[in-house]
Amino acid sequence: MKVKVLGCSGSETIGHNPPGFLVNDVLMMDAGTITAALSIGAQAKITDILISHPHLDHVKGILFLADNIIGKIKKPVNIHALPQVITAIKKHLMNNVIWPDFTRIPSGKNPVFTYKPFKAGRAFKAGGLTVKAIPMNHPVPAVGFLVSDARSSLLYSADTGSNQKLWKAAATAKNLKAVIVDTSFPDSYDALAGVSGHFTPMQLQRDLEKSNVDGDLLIYIYHIKPAYESGVVRDLRAMGRKNVQILKEGKTYTF
């Protein structure tokens, strides 16, 4: 399984892009960054998009993707999301006010996008892979994704704070190679992290200590807020876990 990190930051500034992960050239996990990191040709290869939750930093890439690939694809791109998330996108983004409704453009029979609702806990197919959505701890309806092929699995938390469902999924997944997990704020912002549904390094350490996850399993950190990056990096190092690493934007990982 090949994963190209188009963006993995908790906000947007120079050198930091919102979350977007291109899997095997055809499947997006979240859509905060797509068009700013891919050529038009690469964008046109995308067949499926997994949306974890409706916050703007995880969905805005679909809007500009539609503009770039219209007329260049033979089949609609499937947007997979919880029903509540699809409703939010319909109502607040592609509503013919903020942005055109590309599920009806260029026509209802031949749109750019089609919505594919899923239920948490039930496996489904997307981009040639098996996907299972796992509920996350966030202020809006949100899930993470366990993405698997015949040889390996990758667990992506999306946005979450302390969440034993995440670690239960990690402990029971077959051929799990890595977990990508949100750690947005330094330990000194514990209260802010808690109310906004994000981890600090200390909170992550507590969750890992309570979990049954193999201590050698690779834990990749994403969603660091750029304004607090130095503090998060400092506190992550203080954890003393060699298996905890920071995900790098622009890099391609193979699992």
C-alpha atoms as a PDB file:
ATOM      1  CA  MET A   1       0.000   0.000   0.000  1.00  0.00           C
ATOM      2  CA  LYS A   2       1.444   3.354  -1.086  1.00  0.00           C
ATOM      3  CA  VAL A   3       0.454   6.535   0.739  1.00  0.00           C
ATOM      4  CA  LYS A   4       1.514   9.977  -0.485  1.00  0.00           C
ATOM      5  CA  VAL A   5       1.128  12.709   2.133  1.00  0.00           C
ATOM      6  CA  LEU A   6      -0.302  15.733   0.339  1.00  0.00           C
ATOM      7  CA  GLY A   7      -0.911  17.516   3.618  1.00  0.00           C
ATOM      8  CA  CYS A   8      -0.870  16.536   7.284  1.00  0.00           C
ATOM      9  CA  SER A   9      -0.975  19.767   9.290  1.00  0.00           C
ATOM     10  CA  GLY A  10      -3.641  21.009  11.666  1.00  0.00           C
ATOM     11  CA  SER A  11      -3.999  24.280   9.801  1.00  0.00           C
ATOM     12  CA  GLU A  12      -2.685  26.046   6.714  1.00  0.00           C
ATOM     13  CA  THR A  13       0.347  28.307   6.365  1.00  0.00           C
ATOM     14  CA  ILE A  14       3.497  28.397   4.246  1.00  0.00           C
ATOM     15  CA  GLY A  15       4.928  24.870   4.160  1.00  0.00           C
ATOM     16  CA  HIS A  16       1.950  23.384   5.995  1.00  0.00           C
ATOM     17  CA  ASN A  17      -1.088  21.938   4.229  1.00  0.00           C
ATOM     18  CA  PRO A  18      -4.322  20.517   5.697  1.00  0.00           C
ATOM     19  CA  PRO A  19      -4.860  16.729   5.748  1.00  0.00           C
ATOM     20  CA  GLY A  20      -4.974  14.807   2.499  1.00  0.00           C
ATOM     21  CA  PHE A  21      -3.543  11.328   1.888  1.00  0.00           C
ATOM     22  CA  LEU A  22      -3.405   9.763  -1.570  1.00  0.00           C
ATOM     23  CA  VAL A  23      -3.477   5.962  -1.380  1.00  0.00           C
ATOM     24  CA  ASN A  24      -2.304   3.924  -4.385  1.00  0.00           C
ATOM     25  CA  ASP A  25      -2.831   6.974  -6.636  1.00  0.00           C
ATOM     26  CA  VAL A  26      -6.633   6.559  -6.665  1.00  0.00           C
ATOM     27  CA  LEU A  27      -8.035   6.876  -3.123  1.00  0.00           C
ATOM     28  CA  MET A  28      -8.009  10.015  -0.979  1.00  0.00           C
ATOM     29  CA  MET A  29      -8.218   9.797   2.805  1.00  0.00           C
ATOM     30  CA  ASP A  30      -9.659  13.204   3.620  1.00  0.00           C
ATOM     31  CA  ALA A  31      -9.551  16.123   1.242  1.00  0.00           C
ATOM     32  CA  GLY A  32      -8.022  19.139   2.931  1.00  0.00           C
ATOM     33  CA  THR A  33      -5.280  19.159   0.307  1.00  0.00           C
ATOM     34  CA  ILE A  34      -5.614  17.734  -3.193  1.00  0.00           C
ATOM     35  CA  THR A  35      -5.269  20.267  -5.977  1.00  0.00           C
ATOM     36  CA  ALA A  36      -2.429  22.248  -4.388  1.00  0.00           C
ATOM     37  CA  ALA A  37      -0.222  19.146  -4.392  1.00  0.00           C
ATOM     38  CA  LEU A  38      -1.152  17.144  -7.515  1.00  0.00           C
ATOM     39  CA  SER A  39      -1.006  17.718 -11.257  1.00  0.00           C
ATOM     40  CA  ILE A  40      -4.268  17.793 -13.195  1.00  0.00           C
ATOM     41  CA  GLY A  41      -3.445  14.347 -14.595  1.00  0.00           C
ATOM     42  CA  ALA A  42      -2.916  12.910 -11.122  1.00  0.00           C
ATOM     43  CA  GLN A  43      -6.140  14.518  -9.901  1.00  0.00           C
ATOM     44  CA  ALA A  44      -8.074  12.870 -12.730  1.00  0.00           C
ATOM     45  CA  LYS A  45      -6.911   9.413 -11.546  1.00  0.00           C
ATOM     46  CA  ILE A  46      -8.729   9.742  -8.207  1.00  0.00           C
ATOM     47  CA  THR A  47     -11.764   7.452  -8.065  1.00  0.00           C
ATOM     48  CA  ASP A  48     -12.758   7.595  -4.392  1.00  0.00           C
ATOM     49  CA  ILE A  49     -12.564  10.043  -1.475  1.00  0.00           C
ATOM     50  CA  LEU A  50     -13.020   9.109   2.191  1.00  0.00           C
ATOM     51  CA  ILE A  51     -14.226  12.038   4.299  1.00  0.00           C
ATOM     52  CA  SER A  52     -13.755  11.616   8.048  1.00  0.00           C
ATOM     53  CA  HIS A  53     -15.813  14.634   9.153  1.00  0.00           C
ATOM     54  CA  PRO A  54     -17.120  17.911   7.736  1.00  0.00           C
ATOM     55  CA  HIS A  55     -14.585  20.404   9.117  1.00  0.00           C
ATOM     56  CA  LEU A  56     -13.215  22.624   6.367  1.00  0.00           C
ATOM     57  CA  ASP A  57      -9.603  21.479   6.665  1.00  0.00           C
ATOM     58  CA  HIS A  58     -10.736  17.961   5.738  1.00  0.00           C
ATOM     59  CA  VAL A  59     -13.133  18.749   2.862  1.00  0.00           C
ATOM     60  CA  LYS A  60     -12.114  21.904   1.001  1.00  0.00           C
ATOM     61  CA  GLY A  61     -10.020  20.060  -1.587  1.00  0.00           C
ATOM     62  CA  ILE A  62     -13.070  18.454  -3.165  1.00  0.00           C
ATOM     63  CA  LEU A  63     -14.349  21.841  -4.300  1.00  0.00           C
ATOM     64  CA  PHE A  64     -11.356  22.712  -6.461  1.00  0.00           C
ATOM     65  CA  LEU A  65     -10.933  19.093  -7.553  1.00  0.00           C
ATOM     66  CA  ALA A  66     -14.346  19.300  -9.200  1.00  0.00           C
ATOM     67  CA  ASP A  67     -13.290  22.353 -11.208  1.00  0.00           C
ATOM     68  CA  ASN A  68     -10.126  20.633 -12.411  1.00  0.00           C
ATOM     69  CA  ILE A  69     -11.449  17.217 -13.428  1.00  0.00           C
ATOM     70  CA  ILE A  70     -14.812  18.070 -14.975  1.00  0.00           C
ATOM     71  CA  GLY A  71     -14.786  16.730 -18.529  1.00  0.00           C
ATOM     72  CA  LYS A  72     -11.652  14.668 -17.837  1.00  0.00           C
ATOM     73  CA  ILE A  73     -13.182  11.640 -16.075  1.00  0.00           C
ATOM     74  CA  LYS A  74     -15.385   8.831 -17.386  1.00  0.00           C
ATOM     75  CA  LYS A  75     -17.080   7.955 -14.088  1.00  0.00           C
ATOM     76  CA  PRO A  76     -18.093  10.082 -11.095  1.00  0.00           C
ATOM     77  CA  VAL A  77     -15.698  10.243  -8.167  1.00  0.00           C
ATOM     78  CA  ASN A  78     -17.240   8.537  -5.142  1.00  0.00           C
ATOM     79  CA  ILE A  79     -17.395  10.613  -1.938  1.00  0.00           C
ATOM     80  CA  HIS A  80     -17.681   8.199   0.993  1.00  0.00           C
ATOM     81  CA  ALA A  81     -18.871   9.686   4.281  1.00  0.00           C
ATOM     82  CA  LEU A  82     -21.285   9.304   7.168  1.00  0.00           C
ATOM     83  CA  PRO A  83     -24.840  10.372   6.229  1.00  0.00           C
ATOM     84  CA  GLN A  84     -24.564  13.360   8.606  1.00  0.00           C
ATOM     85  CA  VAL A  85     -21.366  14.471   6.895  1.00  0.00           C
ATOM     86  CA  ILE A  86     -22.905  14.175   3.439  1.00  0.00           C
ATOM     87  CA  THR A  87     -25.808  16.305   4.647  1.00  0.00           C
ATOM     88  CA  ALA A  88     -23.370  18.948   5.909  1.00  0.00           C
ATOM     89  CA  ILE A  89     -21.520  19.046   2.571  1.00  0.00           C
ATOM     90  CA  LYS A  90     -24.810  19.343   0.681  1.00  0.00           C
ATOM     91  CA  LYS A  91     -26.149  22.070   2.951  1.00  0.00           C
ATOM     92  CA  HIS A  92     -23.066  24.161   3.613  1.00  0.00           C
ATOM     93  CA  LEU A  93     -20.597  23.647   0.748  1.00  0.00           C
ATOM     94  CA  MET A  94     -21.874  22.285  -2.572  1.00  0.00           C
ATOM     95  CA  ASN A  95     -25.201  24.054  -2.146  1.00  0.00           C
ATOM     96  CA  ASN A  96     -25.176  26.215  -5.295  1.00  0.00           C
ATOM     97  CA  VAL A  97     -24.375  29.238  -3.123  1.00  0.00           C
ATOM     98  CA  ILE A  98     -20.939  28.664  -1.623  1.00  0.00           C
ATOM     99  CA  TRP A  99     -20.050  26.268  -4.477  1.00  0.00           C
ATOM    100  CA  PRO A 100     -21.902  24.566  -7.341  1.00  0.00           C
ATOM    101  CA  ASP A 101     -23.482  21.187  -6.680  1.00  0.00           C
ATOM    102  CA  PHE A 102     -21.153  18.933  -8.643  1.00  0.00           C
ATOM    103  CA  THR A 103     -23.355  15.907  -7.981  1.00  0.00           C
ATOM    104  CA  ARG A 104     -25.580  17.426 -10.689  1.00  0.00           C
ATOM    105  CA  ILE A 105     -22.958  18.965 -12.982  1.00  0.00           C
ATOM    106  CA  PRO A 106     -22.532  18.602 -15.887  1.00  0.00           C
ATOM    107  CA  SER A 107     -25.761  16.575 -15.583  1.00  0.00           C
ATOM    108  CA  GLY A 108     -27.655  14.432 -13.112  1.00  0.00           C
ATOM    109  CA  LYS A 109     -26.781  11.322 -15.128  1.00  0.00           C
ATOM    110  CA  ASN A 110     -23.125  12.225 -15.546  1.00  0.00           C
ATOM    111  CA  PRO A 111     -21.959  14.201 -12.495  1.00  0.00           C
ATOM    112  CA  VAL A 112     -18.439  14.840 -11.242  1.00  0.00           C
ATOM    113  CA  PHE A 113     -19.241  13.431  -7.779  1.00  0.00           C
ATOM    114  CA  THR A 114     -21.613  10.913  -6.284  1.00  0.00           C
ATOM    115  CA  TYR A 115     -22.242  10.424  -2.576  1.00  0.00           C
ATOM    116  CA  LYS A 116     -21.710   7.009  -0.988  1.00  0.00           C
ATOM    117  CA  PRO A 117     -22.913   6.925   2.634  1.00  0.00           C
ATOM    118  CA  PHE A 118     -21.489   4.320   4.997  1.00  0.00           C
ATOM    119  CA  LYS A 119     -22.092   3.131   8.554  1.00  0.00           C
ATOM    120  CA  ALA A 120     -19.385   3.092  11.178  1.00  0.00           C
ATOM    121  CA  GLY A 121     -18.177  -0.418  11.951  1.00  0.00           C
ATOM    122  CA  ARG A 122     -19.286  -1.902   8.642  1.00  0.00           C
ATOM    123  CA  ALA A 123     -16.602  -2.692   6.040  1.00  0.00           C
ATOM    124  CA  PHE A 124     -16.949  -1.391   2.492  1.00  0.00           C
ATOM    125  CA  LYS A 125     -14.849  -1.181  -0.677  1.00  0.00           C
ATOM    126  CA  ALA A 126     -13.236   1.997  -1.974  1.00  0.00           C
ATOM    127  CA  GLY A 127     -10.427   2.446  -4.443  1.00  0.00           C
ATOM    128  CA  GLY A 128      -9.781  -1.298  -4.575  1.00  0.00           C
ATOM    129  CA  LEU A 129      -9.243  -1.480  -0.797  1.00  0.00           C
ATOM    130  CA  THR A 130     -11.306  -2.620   2.158  1.00  0.00           C
ATOM    131  CA  VAL A 131     -12.270   0.215   4.485  1.00  0.00           C
ATOM    132  CA  LYS A 132     -13.786   0.179   7.958  1.00  0.00           C
ATOM    133  CA  ALA A 133     -14.877   3.401   9.657  1.00  0.00           C
ATOM    134  CA  ILE A 134     -14.289   3.742  13.404  1.00  0.00           C
ATOM    135  CA  PRO A 135     -16.019   6.408  15.553  1.00  0.00           C
ATOM    136  CA  MET A 136     -13.722   9.149  16.838  1.00  0.00           C
ATOM    137  CA  ASN A 137     -13.940  11.597  19.742  1.00  0.00           C
ATOM    138  CA  HIS A 138     -14.577  14.979  18.110  1.00  0.00           C
ATOM    139  CA  PRO A 139     -17.199  17.763  18.449  1.00  0.00           C
ATOM    140  CA  VAL A 140     -18.879  16.804  15.145  1.00  0.00           C
ATOM    141  CA  PRO A 141     -19.711  13.345  13.732  1.00  0.00           C
ATOM    142  CA  ALA A 142     -16.300  11.905  12.860  1.00  0.00           C
ATOM    143  CA  VAL A 143     -14.647   8.610  12.051  1.00  0.00           C
ATOM    144  CA  GLY A 144     -11.188   7.275  11.437  1.00  0.00           C
ATOM    145  CA  PHE A 145     -10.412   4.685   8.787  1.00  0.00           C
ATOM    146  CA  LEU A 146      -8.834   1.241   8.849  1.00  0.00           C
ATOM    147  CA  VAL A 147      -7.688   0.717   5.257  1.00  0.00           C
ATOM    148  CA  SER A 148      -6.546  -2.749   4.189  1.00  0.00           C
ATOM    149  CA  ASP A 149      -5.357  -4.757   1.224  1.00  0.00           C
ATOM    150  CA  ALA A 150      -4.349  -8.422   1.087  1.00  0.00           C
ATOM    151  CA  ARG A 151      -0.968  -7.759   2.720  1.00  0.00           C
ATOM    152  CA  SER A 152      -1.232  -4.802   5.080  1.00  0.00           C
ATOM    153  CA  SER A 153      -3.465  -2.416   7.001  1.00  0.00           C
ATOM    154  CA  LEU A 154      -3.149   1.248   7.942  1.00  0.00           C
ATOM    155  CA  LEU A 155      -5.182   2.956  10.667  1.00  0.00           C
ATOM    156  CA  TYR A 156      -5.913   6.679  10.331  1.00  0.00           C
ATOM    157  CA  SER A 157      -7.456   8.405  13.327  1.00  0.00           C
ATOM    158  CA  ALA A 158      -8.543  11.581  11.536  1.00  0.00           C
ATOM    159  CA  ASP A 159      -9.305  14.105  14.312  1.00  0.00           C
ATOM    160  CA  THR A 160      -9.766  12.715  17.803  1.00  0.00           C
ATOM    161  CA  GLY A 161      -8.922  13.053  21.434  1.00  0.00           C
ATOM    162  CA  SER A 162      -8.622  10.166  23.881  1.00  0.00           C
ATOM    163  CA  ASN A 163     -10.356   7.209  22.260  1.00  0.00           C
ATOM    164  CA  GLN A 164     -10.136   3.573  23.295  1.00  0.00           C
ATOM    165  CA  LYS A 165     -12.092   2.523  20.187  1.00  0.00           C
ATOM    166  CA  LEU A 166      -9.105   3.656  18.136  1.00  0.00           C
ATOM    167  CA  TRP A 167      -6.661   1.516  20.094  1.00  0.00           C
ATOM    168  CA  LYS A 168      -9.008  -1.459  20.178  1.00  0.00           C
ATOM    169  CA  ALA A 169      -9.114  -1.307  16.381  1.00  0.00           C
ATOM    170  CA  ALA A 170      -5.313  -1.108  16.313  1.00  0.00           C
ATOM    171  CA  ALA A 171      -4.927  -4.082  18.647  1.00  0.00           C
ATOM    172  CA  THR A 172      -7.274  -6.303  16.644  1.00  0.00           C
ATOM    173  CA  ALA A 173      -6.424  -5.283  13.059  1.00  0.00           C
ATOM    174  CA  LYS A 174      -4.732  -7.847  10.856  1.00  0.00           C
ATOM    175  CA  ASN A 175      -1.322  -6.999   9.371  1.00  0.00           C
ATOM    176  CA  LEU A 176      -1.394  -3.485  10.835  1.00  0.00           C
ATOM    177  CA  LYS A 177       1.745  -1.608   9.781  1.00  0.00           C
ATOM    178  CA  ALA A 178       1.148   1.847  11.268  1.00  0.00           C
ATOM    179  CA  VAL A 179      -1.283   4.256  12.913  1.00  0.00           C
ATOM    180  CA  ILE A 180      -1.595   7.879  11.834  1.00  0.00           C
ATOM    181  CA  VAL A 181      -2.871   9.778  14.860  1.00  0.00           C
ATOM    182  CA  ASP A 182      -3.873  13.360  15.604  1.00  0.00           C
ATOM    183  CA  THR A 183      -1.680  15.268  18.062  1.00  0.00           C
ATOM    184  CA  SER A 184      -2.565  18.923  17.632  1.00  0.00           C
ATOM    185  CA  PHE A 185      -1.473  20.836  20.725  1.00  0.00           C
ATOM    186  CA  PRO A 186       1.380  20.801  23.275  1.00  0.00           C
ATOM    187  CA  ASP A 187       0.769  19.529  26.793  1.00  0.00           C
ATOM    188  CA  SER A 188       0.341  23.075  28.126  1.00  0.00           C
ATOM    189  CA  TYR A 189      -2.844  23.374  26.011  1.00  0.00           C
ATOM    190  CA  ASP A 190      -4.486  20.340  27.593  1.00  0.00           C
ATOM    191  CA  ALA A 191      -7.836  22.080  28.170  1.00  0.00           C
ATOM    192  CA  LEU A 192      -8.051  23.432  24.619  1.00  0.00           C
ATOM    193  CA  ALA A 193      -7.192  20.025  23.191  1.00  0.00           C
ATOM    194  CA  GLY A 194      -9.886  18.415  25.321  1.00  0.00           C
ATOM    195  CA  VAL A 195     -12.693  20.784  24.375  1.00  0.00           C
ATOM    196  CA  SER A 196     -11.788  20.700  20.669  1.00  0.00           C
ATOM    197  CA  GLY A 197     -11.369  16.913  20.412  1.00  0.00           C
ATOM    198  CA  HIS A 198      -7.636  16.590  19.802  1.00  0.00           C
ATOM    199  CA  PHE A 199      -4.673  14.870  21.461  1.00  0.00           C
ATOM    200  CA  THR A 200      -1.708  16.374  23.233  1.00  0.00           C
ATOM    201  CA  PRO A 201       1.432  14.206  23.558  1.00  0.00           C
ATOM    202  CA  MET A 202       0.658  13.558  27.229  1.00  0.00           C
ATOM    203  CA  GLN A 203      -2.911  12.511  26.424  1.00  0.00           C
ATOM    204  CA  LEU A 204      -1.597  10.254  23.669  1.00  0.00           C
ATOM    205  CA  GLN A 205       0.894   8.706  26.090  1.00  0.00           C
ATOM    206  CA  ARG A 206      -1.900   7.929  28.550  1.00  0.00           C
ATOM    207  CA  ASP A 207      -3.996   6.304  25.838  1.00  0.00           C
ATOM    208  CA  LEU A 208      -1.081   4.184  24.642  1.00  0.00           C
ATOM    209  CA  GLU A 209      -0.298   3.047  28.184  1.00  0.00           C
ATOM    210  CA  LYS A 210      -3.892   1.827  28.590  1.00  0.00           C
ATOM    211  CA  SER A 211      -4.003   0.113  25.203  1.00  0.00           C
ATOM    212  CA  ASN A 212      -2.997  -3.379  24.101  1.00  0.00           C
ATOM    213  CA  VAL A 213      -1.086  -2.036  21.113  1.00  0.00           C
ATOM    214  CA  ASP A 214       2.342  -3.511  20.364  1.00  0.00           C
ATOM    215  CA  GLY A 215       5.014  -1.135  21.646  1.00  0.00           C
ATOM    216  CA  ASP A 216       6.912  -1.435  18.376  1.00  0.00           C
ATOM    217  CA  LEU A 217       3.970  -0.440  16.179  1.00  0.00           C
ATOM    218  CA  LEU A 218       4.775   2.702  14.192  1.00  0.00           C
ATOM    219  CA  ILE A 219       2.762   5.689  15.389  1.00  0.00           C
ATOM    220  CA  TYR A 220       2.862   8.580  12.918  1.00  0.00           C
ATOM    221  CA  ILE A 221       1.823  11.979  14.278  1.00  0.00           C
ATOM    222  CA  TYR A 222      -0.223  14.319  12.108  1.00  0.00           C
ATOM    223  CA  HIS A 223      -2.455  17.412  12.511  1.00  0.00           C
ATOM    224  CA  ILE A 224       0.083  19.434  14.512  1.00  0.00           C
ATOM    225  CA  LYS A 225      -1.068  23.056  14.652  1.00  0.00           C
ATOM    226  CA  PRO A 226       1.708  25.077  12.963  1.00  0.00           C
ATOM    227  CA  ALA A 227       1.514  27.838  15.577  1.00  0.00           C
ATOM    228  CA  TYR A 228       2.343  25.303  18.308  1.00  0.00           C
ATOM    229  CA  GLU A 229       4.674  23.019  16.375  1.00  0.00           C
ATOM    230  CA  SER A 230       7.794  23.539  18.486  1.00  0.00           C
ATOM    231  CA  GLY A 231       5.924  22.743  21.701  1.00  0.00           C
ATOM    232  CA  VAL A 232       4.303  19.625  20.275  1.00  0.00           C
ATOM    233  CA  VAL A 233       7.646  18.357  18.941  1.00  0.00           C
ATOM    234  CA  ARG A 234       9.302  19.004  22.310  1.00  0.00           C
ATOM    235  CA  ASP A 235       6.587  17.139  24.210  1.00  0.00           C
ATOM    236  CA  LEU A 236       6.593  14.243  21.758  1.00  0.00           C
ATOM    237  CA  ARG A 237      10.325  13.808  22.258  1.00  0.00           C
ATOM    238  CA  ALA A 238       9.794  13.809  26.016  1.00  0.00           C
ATOM    239  CA  MET A 239       7.568  10.741  25.635  1.00  0.00           C
ATOM    240  CA  GLY A 240      10.706   8.731  24.886  1.00  0.00           C
ATOM    241  CA  ARG A 241       8.982   6.431  22.404  1.00  0.00           C
ATOM    242  CA  LYS A 242      11.140   5.516  19.404  1.00  0.00           C
ATOM    243  CA  ASN A 243       8.087   4.191  17.553  1.00  0.00           C
ATOM    244  CA  VAL A 244       6.421   7.630  17.597  1.00  0.00           C
ATOM    245  CA  GLN A 245       7.403   9.688  14.546  1.00  0.00           C
ATOM    246  CA  ILE A 246       6.116  12.850  12.897  1.00  0.00           C
ATOM    247  CA  LEU A 247       4.569  12.414   9.456  1.00  0.00           C
ATOM    248  CA  LYS A 248       6.259  14.406   6.696  1.00  0.00           C
ATOM    249  CA  GLU A 249       4.337  16.330   4.043  1.00  0.00           C
ATOM    250  CA  GLY A 250       5.293  15.476   0.484  1.00  0.00           C
ATOM    251  CA  LYS A 251       6.712  12.098   1.439  1.00  0.00           C
ATOM    252  CA  THR A 252       5.427   8.768   0.092  1.00  0.00           C
ATOM    253  CA  TYR A 253       5.225   5.885   2.575  1.00  0.00           C
ATOM    254  CA  THR A 254       4.917   2.215   1.672  1.00  0.00           C
ATOM    255  CA  PHE A 255       3.116  -0.166   4.032  1.00  0.00           C
END
